[in-house]
């Protein structure tokens, strides 16, 4: 391993340990909130070691790609400590409410801010995914989301998001001049930040169904040029045919009913120019090997993910093929996979 890669990996490992430490506080908070200790999964220690090894492998691969210039080191740029710790304090306070919601299995608990948007979104979206406060329909939820996901994956979420970039780089090794990309269900826009850093001259359109999340994305990506924002559902996008060179998403498909998944892919196919790429980052599926089958079974029982089991049983590769996309290529890492296919 060269010195640059070692430095990037050292930083990423320390960052991962930091989020893993934050993760350890949540079971204690949960016990305080509910008055009971949740049982550990069977073979917990062996599974934890397996998970940590896979996470380290992902961080090592990610560091190697940064060192090789697949994407710039700025993808690792940290936020200020005041912002970070202030948000973590809010996550702890919110964790108390999440624990109570999980204990009651209440996935339809919305405050006045969220209720304003309920009638604007499809039925499948009207829920507290992960039991999080406000679902995806409040600005506070949007402010906490990325940090919460990093805690969930012990600092591995960003590296998983970047799994799609080497696949895009195989087709477009340059700076993105003349390319137009579309992210659907962008959330707070984290993946599009990485895409813009890798392709600084590309034009990127960022969409999301949630108005509060889209406004958070607008705020977080304000330092980047050639980025546009549009509120839209991934299955019904207000754009002309053959507009984009790439259409991509991150952690979207496991939160959709199967029929909507098909609609989303067909809509992306419609919007792609010939030769364009359809891409996604999402959870591993059953067809991705036996190593983490236990995690795929456990995840929807711990979090409110009503469509996850169906998602794991229907390979995304087949969904892309059924839509007419060709030459699917996959990059797996930790608990996720990046996948791209081309419009003929």
C-alpha atoms as a PDB file:
ATOM      1  CA  UNK A   1       0.000   0.000   0.000  1.00  0.00           C
ATOM      2  CA  UNK A   2       1.432   3.401  -0.959  1.00  0.00           C
ATOM      3  CA  UNK A   3       1.708   6.279   1.506  1.00  0.00           C
ATOM      4  CA  UNK A   4      -1.216   8.287   0.088  1.00  0.00           C
ATOM      5  CA  UNK A   5      -3.576   5.336   0.303  1.00  0.00           C
ATOM      6  CA  UNK A   6      -2.393   4.587   3.846  1.00  0.00           C
ATOM      7  CA  UNK A   7      -3.091   8.178   4.912  1.00  0.00           C
ATOM      8  CA  UNK A   8      -6.576   8.156   3.407  1.00  0.00           C
ATOM      9  CA  UNK A   9      -7.310   4.779   4.995  1.00  0.00           C
ATOM     10  CA  UNK A  10      -6.047   5.935   8.395  1.00  0.00           C
ATOM     11  CA  UNK A  11      -8.383   8.912   8.255  1.00  0.00           C
ATOM     12  CA  UNK A  12     -11.333   6.808   7.100  1.00  0.00           C
ATOM     13  CA  UNK A  13     -10.731   4.179   9.781  1.00  0.00           C
ATOM     14  CA  UNK A  14     -10.612   6.852  12.484  1.00  0.00           C
ATOM     15  CA  UNK A  15     -13.790   8.396  11.095  1.00  0.00           C
ATOM     16  CA  UNK A  16     -15.482   4.996  11.106  1.00  0.00           C
ATOM     17  CA  UNK A  17     -14.421   4.383  14.715  1.00  0.00           C
ATOM     18  CA  UNK A  18     -15.888   7.760  15.639  1.00  0.00           C
ATOM     19  CA  UNK A  19     -19.304   6.906  14.185  1.00  0.00           C
ATOM     20  CA  UNK A  20     -19.143   3.412  15.671  1.00  0.00           C
ATOM     21  CA  UNK A  21     -18.632   5.054  19.062  1.00  0.00           C
ATOM     22  CA  UNK A  22     -21.721   7.181  18.511  1.00  0.00           C
ATOM     23  CA  UNK A  23     -23.572   4.024  17.490  1.00  0.00           C
ATOM     24  CA  UNK A  24     -22.757   2.424  20.843  1.00  0.00           C
ATOM     25  CA  UNK A  25     -24.645   5.140  22.730  1.00  0.00           C
ATOM     26  CA  UNK A  26     -27.970   4.299  21.088  1.00  0.00           C
ATOM     27  CA  UNK A  27     -28.702   0.923  22.779  1.00  0.00           C
ATOM     28  CA  UNK A  28     -28.218   2.592  26.174  1.00  0.00           C
ATOM     29  CA  UNK A  29     -30.545   5.401  25.162  1.00  0.00           C
ATOM     30  CA  UNK A  30     -33.063   2.850  23.904  1.00  0.00           C
ATOM     31  CA  UNK A  31     -32.967   1.007  27.219  1.00  0.00           C
ATOM     32  CA  UNK A  32     -33.511   4.241  29.139  1.00  0.00           C
ATOM     33  CA  UNK A  33     -36.432   5.177  26.896  1.00  0.00           C
ATOM     34  CA  UNK A  34     -38.206   1.809  26.917  1.00  0.00           C
ATOM     35  CA  UNK A  35     -37.106   0.273  30.204  1.00  0.00           C
ATOM     36  CA  UNK A  36     -35.943  -2.937  28.565  1.00  0.00           C
ATOM     37  CA  UNK A  37     -32.858  -4.326  26.892  1.00  0.00           C
ATOM     38  CA  UNK A  38     -33.319  -5.640  23.380  1.00  0.00           C
ATOM     39  CA  UNK A  39     -31.794  -9.112  22.881  1.00  0.00           C
ATOM     40  CA  UNK A  40     -28.651  -9.408  20.785  1.00  0.00           C
ATOM     41  CA  UNK A  41     -28.843 -11.381  17.533  1.00  0.00           C
ATOM     42  CA  UNK A  42     -27.667 -14.983  17.517  1.00  0.00           C
ATOM     43  CA  UNK A  43     -23.878 -15.294  17.028  1.00  0.00           C
ATOM     44  CA  UNK A  44     -23.559 -11.559  17.618  1.00  0.00           C
ATOM     45  CA  UNK A  45     -19.779 -11.443  18.067  1.00  0.00           C
ATOM     46  CA  UNK A  46     -19.058 -13.469  14.925  1.00  0.00           C
ATOM     47  CA  UNK A  47     -21.438 -11.331  12.892  1.00  0.00           C
ATOM     48  CA  UNK A  48     -19.962  -8.120  14.265  1.00  0.00           C
ATOM     49  CA  UNK A  49     -16.442  -9.253  13.318  1.00  0.00           C
ATOM     50  CA  UNK A  50     -17.649 -10.221   9.839  1.00  0.00           C
ATOM     51  CA  UNK A  51     -19.273  -6.812   9.441  1.00  0.00           C
ATOM     52  CA  UNK A  52     -16.211  -4.898  10.634  1.00  0.00           C
ATOM     53  CA  UNK A  53     -13.959  -6.820   8.245  1.00  0.00           C
ATOM     54  CA  UNK A  54     -16.266  -6.034   5.316  1.00  0.00           C
ATOM     55  CA  UNK A  55     -16.403  -2.376   6.335  1.00  0.00           C
ATOM     56  CA  UNK A  56     -12.603  -2.186   6.503  1.00  0.00           C
ATOM     57  CA  UNK A  57     -12.338  -3.766   3.050  1.00  0.00           C
ATOM     58  CA  UNK A  58     -14.721  -1.132   1.668  1.00  0.00           C
ATOM     59  CA  UNK A  59     -12.776   1.731   3.243  1.00  0.00           C
ATOM     60  CA  UNK A  60      -9.532   0.294   1.889  1.00  0.00           C
ATOM     61  CA  UNK A  61     -10.947   0.068  -1.644  1.00  0.00           C
ATOM     62  CA  UNK A  62     -12.386   3.574  -1.367  1.00  0.00           C
ATOM     63  CA  UNK A  63      -9.040   4.960  -0.177  1.00  0.00           C
ATOM     64  CA  UNK A  64      -7.259   3.224  -3.050  1.00  0.00           C
ATOM     65  CA  UNK A  65      -9.615   4.858  -5.554  1.00  0.00           C
ATOM     66  CA  UNK A  66      -9.063   8.290  -4.033  1.00  0.00           C
ATOM     67  CA  UNK A  67      -5.299   7.779  -4.189  1.00  0.00           C
ATOM     68  CA  UNK A  68      -5.596   6.681  -7.833  1.00  0.00           C
ATOM     69  CA  UNK A  69      -7.620   9.787  -8.736  1.00  0.00           C
ATOM     70  CA  UNK A  70     -10.883   7.999  -9.523  1.00  0.00           C
ATOM     71  CA  UNK A  71     -12.430  10.779  -7.439  1.00  0.00           C
ATOM     72  CA  UNK A  72     -10.718  13.603  -5.531  1.00  0.00           C
ATOM     73  CA  UNK A  73      -9.673  13.605  -1.895  1.00  0.00           C
ATOM     74  CA  UNK A  74     -12.239  16.354  -1.231  1.00  0.00           C
ATOM     75  CA  UNK A  75     -14.900  13.638  -0.925  1.00  0.00           C
ATOM     76  CA  UNK A  76     -13.413  13.103   2.557  1.00  0.00           C
ATOM     77  CA  UNK A  77     -13.577  16.747   3.629  1.00  0.00           C
ATOM     78  CA  UNK A  78     -15.137  16.833   7.130  1.00  0.00           C
ATOM     79  CA  UNK A  79     -17.638  19.314   8.461  1.00  0.00           C
ATOM     80  CA  UNK A  80     -16.878  21.604  11.386  1.00  0.00           C
ATOM     81  CA  UNK A  81     -16.862  20.021  14.868  1.00  0.00           C
ATOM     82  CA  UNK A  82     -19.441  22.460  16.220  1.00  0.00           C
ATOM     83  CA  UNK A  83     -21.917  21.548  13.505  1.00  0.00           C
ATOM     84  CA  UNK A  84     -21.211  17.845  13.950  1.00  0.00           C
ATOM     85  CA  UNK A  85     -21.563  17.652  17.728  1.00  0.00           C
ATOM     86  CA  UNK A  86     -24.543  19.979  17.802  1.00  0.00           C
ATOM     87  CA  UNK A  87     -26.329  17.659  15.397  1.00  0.00           C
ATOM     88  CA  UNK A  88     -25.366  14.576  17.390  1.00  0.00           C
ATOM     89  CA  UNK A  89     -26.969  16.123  20.475  1.00  0.00           C
ATOM     90  CA  UNK A  90     -30.182  16.525  18.483  1.00  0.00           C
ATOM     91  CA  UNK A  91     -29.883  12.926  17.266  1.00  0.00           C
ATOM     92  CA  UNK A  92     -29.717  11.721  20.868  1.00  0.00           C
ATOM     93  CA  UNK A  93     -32.825  13.704  21.755  1.00  0.00           C
ATOM     94  CA  UNK A  94     -34.589  12.374  18.679  1.00  0.00           C
ATOM     95  CA  UNK A  95     -33.403   8.846  19.504  1.00  0.00           C
ATOM     96  CA  UNK A  96     -35.565   8.909  22.623  1.00  0.00           C
ATOM     97  CA  UNK A  97     -38.658   9.521  20.472  1.00  0.00           C
ATOM     98  CA  UNK A  98     -37.572   6.911  17.920  1.00  0.00           C
ATOM     99  CA  UNK A  99     -37.243   4.292  20.669  1.00  0.00           C
ATOM    100  CA  UNK A 100     -40.772   4.970  21.900  1.00  0.00           C
ATOM    101  CA  UNK A 101     -42.091   4.835  18.336  1.00  0.00           C
ATOM    102  CA  UNK A 102     -40.299   1.545  17.698  1.00  0.00           C
ATOM    103  CA  UNK A 103     -41.590   0.078  20.963  1.00  0.00           C
ATOM    104  CA  UNK A 104     -45.175   0.913  19.959  1.00  0.00           C
ATOM    105  CA  UNK A 105     -44.543  -0.105  16.312  1.00  0.00           C
ATOM    106  CA  UNK A 106     -45.995   3.260  15.356  1.00  0.00           C
ATOM    107  CA  UNK A 107     -44.844   4.155  11.847  1.00  0.00           C
ATOM    108  CA  UNK A 108     -47.484   6.799  11.151  1.00  0.00           C
ATOM    109  CA  UNK A 109     -46.633   9.443  13.744  1.00  0.00           C
ATOM    110  CA  UNK A 110     -46.458  12.914  12.185  1.00  0.00           C
ATOM    111  CA  UNK A 111     -46.309  16.432  13.574  1.00  0.00           C
ATOM    112  CA  UNK A 112     -48.005  19.483  12.074  1.00  0.00           C
ATOM    113  CA  UNK A 113     -45.101  20.256   9.730  1.00  0.00           C
ATOM    114  CA  UNK A 114     -45.150  16.766   8.222  1.00  0.00           C
ATOM    115  CA  UNK A 115     -48.942  16.699   7.901  1.00  0.00           C
ATOM    116  CA  UNK A 116     -48.775  19.700   5.564  1.00  0.00           C
ATOM    117  CA  UNK A 117     -47.084  17.461   2.988  1.00  0.00           C
ATOM    118  CA  UNK A 118     -48.929  14.166   3.532  1.00  0.00           C
ATOM    119  CA  UNK A 119     -51.564  14.766   0.876  1.00  0.00           C
ATOM    120  CA  UNK A 120     -48.883  15.646  -1.692  1.00  0.00           C
ATOM    121  CA  UNK A 121     -47.084  12.296  -1.537  1.00  0.00           C
ATOM    122  CA  UNK A 122     -48.067   8.713  -2.474  1.00  0.00           C
ATOM    123  CA  UNK A 123     -49.371   6.307   0.156  1.00  0.00           C
ATOM    124  CA  UNK A 124     -46.129   4.307   0.274  1.00  0.00           C
ATOM    125  CA  UNK A 125     -44.296   7.473   1.375  1.00  0.00           C
ATOM    126  CA  UNK A 126     -46.655   8.328   4.259  1.00  0.00           C
ATOM    127  CA  UNK A 127     -44.746   6.561   7.009  1.00  0.00           C
ATOM    128  CA  UNK A 128     -41.865   6.932   9.428  1.00  0.00           C
ATOM    129  CA  UNK A 129     -39.177   4.989   7.597  1.00  0.00           C
ATOM    130  CA  UNK A 130     -36.660   3.787  10.226  1.00  0.00           C
ATOM    131  CA  UNK A 131     -39.215   5.078  12.772  1.00  0.00           C
ATOM    132  CA  UNK A 132     -37.525   8.463  12.342  1.00  0.00           C
ATOM    133  CA  UNK A 133     -39.380  11.530  13.512  1.00  0.00           C
ATOM    134  CA  UNK A 134     -41.286  13.200  10.696  1.00  0.00           C
ATOM    135  CA  UNK A 135     -40.509  10.446   8.204  1.00  0.00           C
ATOM    136  CA  UNK A 136     -39.011  12.245   5.206  1.00  0.00           C
ATOM    137  CA  UNK A 137     -41.353  15.199   5.557  1.00  0.00           C
ATOM    138  CA  UNK A 138     -39.700  17.693   7.936  1.00  0.00           C
ATOM    139  CA  UNK A 139     -36.643  19.923   7.726  1.00  0.00           C
ATOM    140  CA  UNK A 140     -35.395  18.610  11.071  1.00  0.00           C
ATOM    141  CA  UNK A 141     -35.481  15.061   9.708  1.00  0.00           C
ATOM    142  CA  UNK A 142     -33.521  16.263   6.672  1.00  0.00           C
ATOM    143  CA  UNK A 143     -30.900  17.939   8.858  1.00  0.00           C
ATOM    144  CA  UNK A 144     -30.299  14.748  10.859  1.00  0.00           C
ATOM    145  CA  UNK A 145     -30.603  12.158   8.109  1.00  0.00           C
ATOM    146  CA  UNK A 146     -27.071  11.823   6.707  1.00  0.00           C
ATOM    147  CA  UNK A 147     -25.549  11.748  10.181  1.00  0.00           C
ATOM    148  CA  UNK A 148     -28.044   9.103  11.318  1.00  0.00           C
ATOM    149  CA  UNK A 149     -27.200   6.915   8.319  1.00  0.00           C
ATOM    150  CA  UNK A 150     -23.475   7.197   9.038  1.00  0.00           C
ATOM    151  CA  UNK A 151     -24.123   6.084  12.616  1.00  0.00           C
ATOM    152  CA  UNK A 152     -26.198   3.147  11.352  1.00  0.00           C
ATOM    153  CA  UNK A 153     -23.356   1.987   9.084  1.00  0.00           C
ATOM    154  CA  UNK A 154     -20.493   2.897  11.451  1.00  0.00           C
ATOM    155  CA  UNK A 155     -19.114   5.530   9.095  1.00  0.00           C
ATOM    156  CA  UNK A 156     -19.434   3.436   5.943  1.00  0.00           C
ATOM    157  CA  UNK A 157     -22.376   5.193   4.266  1.00  0.00           C
ATOM    158  CA  UNK A 158     -20.387   7.702   2.210  1.00  0.00           C
ATOM    159  CA  UNK A 159     -18.023   5.035   0.889  1.00  0.00           C
ATOM    160  CA  UNK A 160     -21.033   2.902  -0.080  1.00  0.00           C
ATOM    161  CA  UNK A 161     -22.557   5.867  -1.914  1.00  0.00           C
ATOM    162  CA  UNK A 162     -19.334   6.227  -3.895  1.00  0.00           C
ATOM    163  CA  UNK A 163     -19.547   2.639  -5.217  1.00  0.00           C
ATOM    164  CA  UNK A 164     -21.242   3.958  -8.342  1.00  0.00           C
ATOM    165  CA  UNK A 165     -18.434   6.349  -9.259  1.00  0.00           C
ATOM    166  CA  UNK A 166     -15.875   3.785 -10.542  1.00  0.00           C
ATOM    167  CA  UNK A 167     -18.601   2.369 -12.789  1.00  0.00           C
ATOM    168  CA  UNK A 168     -19.366   5.822 -14.183  1.00  0.00           C
ATOM    169  CA  UNK A 169     -15.643   6.518 -14.576  1.00  0.00           C
ATOM    170  CA  UNK A 170     -15.264   3.523 -16.876  1.00  0.00           C
ATOM    171  CA  UNK A 171     -17.519   5.309 -19.369  1.00  0.00           C
ATOM    172  CA  UNK A 172     -16.594   8.929 -18.645  1.00  0.00           C
ATOM    173  CA  UNK A 173     -13.021   9.341 -17.351  1.00  0.00           C
ATOM    174  CA  UNK A 174     -12.931  13.119 -17.869  1.00  0.00           C
ATOM    175  CA  UNK A 175     -14.246  16.187 -16.038  1.00  0.00           C
ATOM    176  CA  UNK A 176     -17.860  15.901 -17.229  1.00  0.00           C
ATOM    177  CA  UNK A 177     -17.757  18.668 -19.830  1.00  0.00           C
ATOM    178  CA  UNK A 178     -20.988  18.507 -21.855  1.00  0.00           C
ATOM    179  CA  UNK A 179     -22.630  15.846 -19.671  1.00  0.00           C
ATOM    180  CA  UNK A 180     -25.986  16.245 -17.912  1.00  0.00           C
ATOM    181  CA  UNK A 181     -26.817  13.972 -14.976  1.00  0.00           C
ATOM    182  CA  UNK A 182     -30.055  13.482 -13.036  1.00  0.00           C
ATOM    183  CA  UNK A 183     -30.345  12.224  -9.474  1.00  0.00           C
ATOM    184  CA  UNK A 184     -33.793  10.979  -8.471  1.00  0.00           C
ATOM    185  CA  UNK A 185     -34.848  10.663  -4.821  1.00  0.00           C
ATOM    186  CA  UNK A 186     -31.704  12.596  -3.939  1.00  0.00           C
ATOM    187  CA  UNK A 187     -32.598  13.203  -0.311  1.00  0.00           C
ATOM    188  CA  UNK A 188     -30.137  15.797   0.950  1.00  0.00           C
ATOM    189  CA  UNK A 189     -27.959  15.416  -2.150  1.00  0.00           C
ATOM    190  CA  UNK A 190     -24.948  13.628  -0.687  1.00  0.00           C
ATOM    191  CA  UNK A 191     -24.304  11.428  -3.729  1.00  0.00           C
ATOM    192  CA  UNK A 192     -24.657  14.359  -6.113  1.00  0.00           C
ATOM    193  CA  UNK A 193     -21.947  16.175  -4.145  1.00  0.00           C
ATOM    194  CA  UNK A 194     -19.603  13.272  -4.829  1.00  0.00           C
ATOM    195  CA  UNK A 195     -20.657  13.143  -8.484  1.00  0.00           C
ATOM    196  CA  UNK A 196     -19.965  16.873  -8.876  1.00  0.00           C
ATOM    197  CA  UNK A 197     -16.560  16.540  -7.233  1.00  0.00           C
ATOM    198  CA  UNK A 198     -15.719  13.741  -9.667  1.00  0.00           C
ATOM    199  CA  UNK A 199     -17.247  15.599 -12.641  1.00  0.00           C
ATOM    200  CA  UNK A 200     -16.836  19.321 -11.874  1.00  0.00           C
ATOM    201  CA  UNK A 201     -17.930  20.482 -15.345  1.00  0.00           C
ATOM    202  CA  UNK A 202     -21.034  18.303 -15.551  1.00  0.00           C
ATOM    203  CA  UNK A 203     -24.512  19.730 -15.129  1.00  0.00           C
ATOM    204  CA  UNK A 204     -26.548  17.957 -12.434  1.00  0.00           C
ATOM    205  CA  UNK A 205     -30.290  18.089 -11.796  1.00  0.00           C
ATOM    206  CA  UNK A 206     -31.272  17.047  -8.276  1.00  0.00           C
ATOM    207  CA  UNK A 207     -34.823  15.862  -7.567  1.00  0.00           C
ATOM    208  CA  UNK A 208     -36.681  14.579  -4.546  1.00  0.00           C
ATOM    209  CA  UNK A 209     -40.299  13.987  -3.599  1.00  0.00           C
ATOM    210  CA  UNK A 210     -39.852  15.686  -0.216  1.00  0.00           C
ATOM    211  CA  UNK A 211     -39.874  19.475  -0.267  1.00  0.00           C
ATOM    212  CA  UNK A 212     -38.036  19.773   3.092  1.00  0.00           C
ATOM    213  CA  UNK A 213     -35.311  17.359   1.947  1.00  0.00           C
ATOM    214  CA  UNK A 214     -34.958  19.158  -1.374  1.00  0.00           C
ATOM    215  CA  UNK A 215     -34.482  22.465   0.442  1.00  0.00           C
ATOM    216  CA  UNK A 216     -31.819  20.867   2.624  1.00  0.00           C
ATOM    217  CA  UNK A 217     -30.089  19.567  -0.516  1.00  0.00           C
ATOM    218  CA  UNK A 218     -30.217  23.055  -2.025  1.00  0.00           C
ATOM    219  CA  UNK A 219     -28.563  24.452   1.105  1.00  0.00           C
ATOM    220  CA  UNK A 220     -25.870  21.773   1.295  1.00  0.00           C
ATOM    221  CA  UNK A 221     -24.935  21.974  -2.385  1.00  0.00           C
ATOM    222  CA  UNK A 222     -24.980  25.776  -2.578  1.00  0.00           C
ATOM    223  CA  UNK A 223     -21.193  25.888  -3.030  1.00  0.00           C
ATOM    224  CA  UNK A 224     -21.377  23.903  -6.291  1.00  0.00           C
ATOM    225  CA  UNK A 225     -22.159  25.376  -9.698  1.00  0.00           C
ATOM    226  CA  UNK A 226     -24.285  23.889 -12.516  1.00  0.00           C
ATOM    227  CA  UNK A 227     -26.653  22.197 -10.049  1.00  0.00           C
ATOM    228  CA  UNK A 228     -30.441  22.559 -10.398  1.00  0.00           C
ATOM    229  CA  UNK A 229     -33.245  21.422  -8.099  1.00  0.00           C
ATOM    230  CA  UNK A 230     -36.758  20.171  -8.832  1.00  0.00           C
ATOM    231  CA  UNK A 231     -39.385  18.578  -6.592  1.00  0.00           C
ATOM    232  CA  UNK A 232     -40.610  15.415  -8.313  1.00  0.00           C
ATOM    233  CA  UNK A 233     -41.483  11.768  -7.733  1.00  0.00           C
ATOM    234  CA  UNK A 234     -38.992   9.296  -9.201  1.00  0.00           C
ATOM    235  CA  UNK A 235     -41.806   7.407 -10.955  1.00  0.00           C
ATOM    236  CA  UNK A 236     -43.261  10.523 -12.628  1.00  0.00           C
ATOM    237  CA  UNK A 237     -40.602  13.028 -13.649  1.00  0.00           C
ATOM    238  CA  UNK A 238     -41.443  16.300 -15.477  1.00  0.00           C
ATOM    239  CA  UNK A 239     -38.639  16.135 -18.046  1.00  0.00           C
ATOM    240  CA  UNK A 240     -38.463  15.509 -21.788  1.00  0.00           C
ATOM    241  CA  UNK A 241     -37.420  12.199 -23.299  1.00  0.00           C
ATOM    242  CA  UNK A 242     -33.713  11.586 -23.934  1.00  0.00           C
ATOM    243  CA  UNK A 243     -32.517  14.526 -21.816  1.00  0.00           C
ATOM    244  CA  UNK A 244     -29.814  12.996 -19.601  1.00  0.00           C
ATOM    245  CA  UNK A 245     -26.523  11.151 -19.978  1.00  0.00           C
ATOM    246  CA  UNK A 246     -26.990   9.427 -16.620  1.00  0.00           C
ATOM    247  CA  UNK A 247     -29.904   8.905 -14.251  1.00  0.00           C
ATOM    248  CA  UNK A 248     -28.988   7.602 -10.805  1.00  0.00           C
ATOM    249  CA  UNK A 249     -30.268   7.161  -7.260  1.00  0.00           C
ATOM    250  CA  UNK A 250     -28.991   6.137  -3.849  1.00  0.00           C
ATOM    251  CA  UNK A 251     -30.802   3.957  -1.278  1.00  0.00           C
ATOM    252  CA  UNK A 252     -34.123   4.412  -3.080  1.00  0.00           C
ATOM    253  CA  UNK A 253     -35.355   1.072  -4.387  1.00  0.00           C
ATOM    254  CA  UNK A 254     -35.568  -0.831  -1.095  1.00  0.00           C
ATOM    255  CA  UNK A 255     -38.107   1.768   0.091  1.00  0.00           C
ATOM    256  CA  UNK A 256     -40.465   1.308  -2.860  1.00  0.00           C
ATOM    257  CA  UNK A 257     -43.221  -1.223  -3.609  1.00  0.00           C
ATOM    258  CA  UNK A 258     -42.240  -3.571  -6.423  1.00  0.00           C
ATOM    259  CA  UNK A 259     -44.619  -2.030  -8.975  1.00  0.00           C
ATOM    260  CA  UNK A 260     -43.243   1.444  -8.266  1.00  0.00           C
ATOM    261  CA  UNK A 261     -39.681   0.141  -8.646  1.00  0.00           C
ATOM    262  CA  UNK A 262     -40.547  -0.916 -12.177  1.00  0.00           C
ATOM    263  CA  UNK A 263     -42.100   2.467 -12.936  1.00  0.00           C
ATOM    264  CA  UNK A 264     -39.020   4.288 -11.649  1.00  0.00           C
ATOM    265  CA  UNK A 265     -36.667   2.292 -13.881  1.00  0.00           C
ATOM    266  CA  UNK A 266     -38.914   2.746 -16.929  1.00  0.00           C
ATOM    267  CA  UNK A 267     -39.047   6.481 -16.268  1.00  0.00           C
ATOM    268  CA  UNK A 268     -35.269   6.633 -16.049  1.00  0.00           C
ATOM    269  CA  UNK A 269     -34.986   4.686 -19.297  1.00  0.00           C
ATOM    270  CA  UNK A 270     -37.282   7.230 -20.977  1.00  0.00           C
ATOM    271  CA  UNK A 271     -35.134  10.149 -19.865  1.00  0.00           C
ATOM    272  CA  UNK A 272     -31.785   8.687 -20.918  1.00  0.00           C
ATOM    273  CA  UNK A 273     -30.087   9.564 -24.154  1.00  0.00           C
ATOM    274  CA  UNK A 274     -28.956   6.582 -26.263  1.00  0.00           C
ATOM    275  CA  UNK A 275     -25.757   5.251 -24.715  1.00  0.00           C
ATOM    276  CA  UNK A 276     -26.603   6.826 -21.357  1.00  0.00           C
ATOM    277  CA  UNK A 277     -26.196   5.068 -18.023  1.00  0.00           C
ATOM    278  CA  UNK A 278     -28.875   4.131 -15.514  1.00  0.00           C
ATOM    279  CA  UNK A 279     -27.227   3.781 -12.117  1.00  0.00           C
ATOM    280  CA  UNK A 280     -28.074   3.066  -8.520  1.00  0.00           C
ATOM    281  CA  UNK A 281     -26.588   2.396  -5.124  1.00  0.00           C
ATOM    282  CA  UNK A 282     -28.696   0.305  -2.794  1.00  0.00           C
ATOM    283  CA  UNK A 283     -28.690  -2.563  -0.330  1.00  0.00           C
ATOM    284  CA  UNK A 284     -27.313  -5.956  -1.200  1.00  0.00           C
ATOM    285  CA  UNK A 285     -29.912  -8.496  -2.350  1.00  0.00           C
ATOM    286  CA  UNK A 286     -30.257 -12.238  -1.959  1.00  0.00           C
ATOM    287  CA  UNK A 287     -28.609 -12.825  -5.336  1.00  0.00           C
ATOM    288  CA  UNK A 288     -25.452 -11.048  -4.133  1.00  0.00           C
ATOM    289  CA  UNK A 289     -24.158 -14.017  -2.122  1.00  0.00           C
ATOM    290  CA  UNK A 290     -24.648 -15.736   1.210  1.00  0.00           C
ATOM    291  CA  UNK A 291     -22.285 -13.659   3.345  1.00  0.00           C
ATOM    292  CA  UNK A 292     -24.823 -11.143   4.638  1.00  0.00           C
ATOM    293  CA  UNK A 293     -28.123 -13.001   4.316  1.00  0.00           C
ATOM    294  CA  UNK A 294     -28.541 -12.702   8.085  1.00  0.00           C
ATOM    295  CA  UNK A 295     -28.273  -8.903   7.818  1.00  0.00           C
ATOM    296  CA  UNK A 296     -30.866  -8.770   5.032  1.00  0.00           C
ATOM    297  CA  UNK A 297     -33.267 -10.730   7.244  1.00  0.00           C
ATOM    298  CA  UNK A 298     -32.550  -8.696  10.377  1.00  0.00           C
ATOM    299  CA  UNK A 299     -32.688  -5.166   8.938  1.00  0.00           C
ATOM    300  CA  UNK A 300     -36.454  -4.879   8.279  1.00  0.00           C
ATOM    301  CA  UNK A 301     -37.228  -6.262  11.751  1.00  0.00           C
ATOM    302  CA  UNK A 302     -35.152  -3.544  13.452  1.00  0.00           C
ATOM    303  CA  UNK A 303     -36.346  -0.653  11.292  1.00  0.00           C
ATOM    304  CA  UNK A 304     -39.622   0.186   9.638  1.00  0.00           C
ATOM    305  CA  UNK A 305     -38.824  -0.995   6.090  1.00  0.00           C
ATOM    306  CA  UNK A 306     -42.040  -2.606   4.787  1.00  0.00           C
ATOM    307  CA  UNK A 307     -40.783  -3.118   1.211  1.00  0.00           C
ATOM    308  CA  UNK A 308     -37.293  -4.373   2.025  1.00  0.00           C
ATOM    309  CA  UNK A 309     -38.016  -8.110   2.041  1.00  0.00           C
ATOM    310  CA  UNK A 310     -39.615  -7.909  -1.388  1.00  0.00           C
ATOM    311  CA  UNK A 311     -36.700  -5.807  -2.632  1.00  0.00           C
ATOM    312  CA  UNK A 312     -34.099  -8.367  -1.574  1.00  0.00           C
ATOM    313  CA  UNK A 313     -35.965 -11.118  -3.466  1.00  0.00           C
ATOM    314  CA  UNK A 314     -36.172  -9.291  -6.821  1.00  0.00           C
ATOM    315  CA  UNK A 315     -32.718  -8.618  -8.314  1.00  0.00           C
ATOM    316  CA  UNK A 316     -32.278  -5.108  -9.630  1.00  0.00           C
ATOM    317  CA  UNK A 317     -30.208  -6.503 -12.494  1.00  0.00           C
ATOM    318  CA  UNK A 318     -33.343  -8.244 -13.806  1.00  0.00           C
ATOM    319  CA  UNK A 319     -35.414  -5.080 -13.378  1.00  0.00           C
ATOM    320  CA  UNK A 320     -32.929  -3.090 -15.462  1.00  0.00           C
ATOM    321  CA  UNK A 321     -32.838  -5.800 -18.120  1.00  0.00           C
ATOM    322  CA  UNK A 322     -36.650  -5.930 -18.290  1.00  0.00           C
ATOM    323  CA  UNK A 323     -36.691  -2.174 -18.947  1.00  0.00           C
ATOM    324  CA  UNK A 324     -34.403  -2.627 -21.958  1.00  0.00           C
ATOM    325  CA  UNK A 325     -31.117  -1.616 -20.342  1.00  0.00           C
ATOM    326  CA  UNK A 326     -28.038  -3.619 -21.268  1.00  0.00           C
ATOM    327  CA  UNK A 327     -24.609  -4.652 -19.985  1.00  0.00           C
ATOM    328  CA  UNK A 328     -25.247  -4.341 -16.250  1.00  0.00           C
ATOM    329  CA  UNK A 329     -22.069  -3.911 -14.195  1.00  0.00           C
ATOM    330  CA  UNK A 330     -21.927  -4.190 -10.410  1.00  0.00           C
ATOM    331  CA  UNK A 331     -19.540  -3.009  -7.676  1.00  0.00           C
ATOM    332  CA  UNK A 332     -20.216  -4.483  -4.219  1.00  0.00           C
ATOM    333  CA  UNK A 333     -18.897  -3.155  -0.944  1.00  0.00           C
ATOM    334  CA  UNK A 334     -19.867  -3.768   2.703  1.00  0.00           C
ATOM    335  CA  UNK A 335     -23.702  -3.913   2.766  1.00  0.00           C
ATOM    336  CA  UNK A 336     -24.387  -2.165  -0.549  1.00  0.00           C
ATOM    337  CA  UNK A 337     -23.858  -2.446  -4.262  1.00  0.00           C
ATOM    338  CA  UNK A 338     -23.431   0.037  -7.066  1.00  0.00           C
ATOM    339  CA  UNK A 339     -25.034  -0.982 -10.338  1.00  0.00           C
ATOM    340  CA  UNK A 340     -25.107   0.600 -13.800  1.00  0.00           C
ATOM    341  CA  UNK A 341     -26.565  -0.449 -17.151  1.00  0.00           C
ATOM    342  CA  UNK A 342     -26.664   1.262 -20.537  1.00  0.00           C
ATOM    343  CA  UNK A 343     -29.493   2.392 -22.773  1.00  0.00           C
ATOM    344  CA  UNK A 344     -28.866   0.999 -26.273  1.00  0.00           C
END
